Amino acid sequence: MTTLIDKSTRLAVQGITGKAASLHTRIMLQYGTQVVAGVRPGAAGRRVEDVPVFDTIADAVKDTGVTASVLFVPAYAIREAAFEALDADIKLLVIM
């Protein structure tokens, strides 16, 4: 079986300012996940659980070297968020 996520995975959380996303970000950090960026349009410059927030996933990739993303976005926005991540050359998406 292939391991998709390991200690070298640099994770972004799309929708990080939401209630569920911020809770799961805290839990992932407690378990040692390298959460290196959050994404929320209009929230650049904020920090959630001490994770920097970017307006776009492309900005997060450029500044932090994101290699995977977990998406906590509303159903109506999931398609756009997923394609934005794929366009930023992220190969692994986890859609919650």
Protein backbone atom coordinates (compact mmCIF):
# COMPACT_ATOMS: atom_id res chain seq x y z
CA MET A 1 0.00 0.00 0.00
CA THR A 2 1.29 3.45 -0.91
CA THR A 3 1.49 6.13 1.75
CA LEU A 4 0.09 9.40 0.46
CA ILE A 5 0.82 11.60 3.48
CA ASP A 6 3.92 11.41 5.64
CA LYS A 7 6.03 13.67 7.86
CA SER A 8 7.37 15.57 4.85
CA THR A 9 3.88 16.52 3.57
CA ARG A 10 3.32 20.29 3.73
CA LEU A 11 -0.41 20.77 4.15
CA ALA A 12 -2.69 23.71 3.39
CA VAL A 13 -6.18 24.03 4.84
CA GLN A 14 -8.55 25.68 2.40
CA GLY A 15 -11.35 27.39 4.33
CA ILE A 16 -9.22 27.55 7.49
CA THR A 17 -11.24 30.33 9.13
CA GLY A 18 -14.37 28.17 9.39
CA LYS A 19 -15.36 26.49 12.64
CA ALA A 20 -14.72 22.89 11.52
CA ALA A 21 -11.51 23.77 9.68
CA SER A 22 -9.99 25.65 12.60
CA LEU A 23 -10.87 22.79 14.97
CA HIS A 24 -9.33 20.16 12.67
CA THR A 25 -6.29 22.37 12.08
CA ARG A 26 -5.66 22.42 15.83
CA ILE A 27 -6.03 18.63 16.03
CA MET A 28 -3.76 18.02 13.00
CA LEU A 29 -1.08 20.26 14.53
CA GLN A 30 -1.33 18.40 17.86
CA TYR A 31 -0.70 15.14 16.00
CA GLY A 32 2.36 16.55 14.25
CA THR A 33 0.97 17.35 10.80
CA GLN A 34 2.91 20.10 9.04
CA VAL A 35 0.05 22.53 8.46
CA VAL A 36 2.00 25.32 6.78
CA ALA A 37 -0.77 27.49 5.32
CA GLY A 38 -4.43 28.31 5.39
CA VAL A 39 -6.48 29.79 2.57
CA ARG A 40 -9.47 32.08 2.82
CA PRO A 41 -10.13 34.78 0.20
CA GLY A 42 -10.05 38.18 1.88
CA ALA A 43 -8.29 36.94 5.02
CA ALA A 44 -4.63 37.18 3.97
CA GLY A 45 -2.36 38.22 6.78
CA ARG A 46 -4.40 36.59 9.52
CA ARG A 47 -3.21 33.57 11.49
CA VAL A 48 -5.31 30.63 12.65
CA GLU A 49 -3.66 28.40 15.26
CA ASP A 50 -0.49 30.31 14.35
CA VAL A 51 -0.79 29.16 10.70
CA PRO A 52 -0.50 31.99 8.15
CA VAL A 53 -3.57 32.63 6.00
CA PHE A 54 -3.38 33.47 2.28
CA ASP A 55 -5.98 34.75 -0.19
CA THR A 56 -5.23 32.00 -2.74
CA ILE A 57 -3.75 28.54 -2.71
CA ALA A 58 -1.27 29.69 -5.38
CA ASP A 59 0.09 32.30 -2.94
CA ALA A 60 0.33 29.64 -0.23
CA VAL A 61 2.25 27.27 -2.52
CA LYS A 62 4.64 30.03 -3.57
CA ASP A 63 5.36 31.20 -0.02
CA THR A 64 5.30 27.92 1.94
CA GLY A 65 5.88 25.02 -0.44
CA VAL A 66 2.48 23.37 0.10
CA THR A 67 2.35 19.81 -1.31
CA ALA A 68 -1.20 18.77 -0.29
CA SER A 69 -4.46 20.43 0.67
CA VAL A 70 -7.48 19.60 2.76
CA LEU A 71 -10.63 21.46 1.72
CA PHE A 72 -13.19 22.64 4.28
CA VAL A 73 -15.31 24.79 2.00
CA PRO A 74 -19.08 24.92 1.39
CA ALA A 75 -20.47 22.53 -1.21
CA TYR A 76 -21.20 25.33 -3.67
CA ALA A 77 -17.50 26.36 -3.61
CA ILE A 78 -15.81 22.96 -3.65
CA ARG A 79 -15.37 22.69 -7.41
CA GLU A 80 -13.67 26.08 -7.70
CA ALA A 81 -11.47 25.46 -4.65
CA ALA A 82 -10.40 22.04 -5.92
CA PHE A 83 -9.55 23.34 -9.39
CA GLU A 84 -7.65 26.25 -7.86
CA ALA A 85 -5.52 23.75 -5.93
CA LEU A 86 -4.98 21.55 -8.98
CA ASP A 87 -4.01 24.63 -11.03
CA ALA A 88 -1.43 25.44 -8.34
CA ASP A 89 0.11 21.99 -9.03
CA ILE A 90 -1.09 20.34 -5.83
CA LYS A 91 -1.49 16.65 -6.57
CA LEU A 92 -3.18 15.49 -3.34
CA LEU A 93 -6.54 16.91 -2.22
CA VAL A 94 -8.66 15.73 0.70
CA ILE A 95 -12.21 17.03 0.41
CA MET A 96 -14.12 17.11 3.69
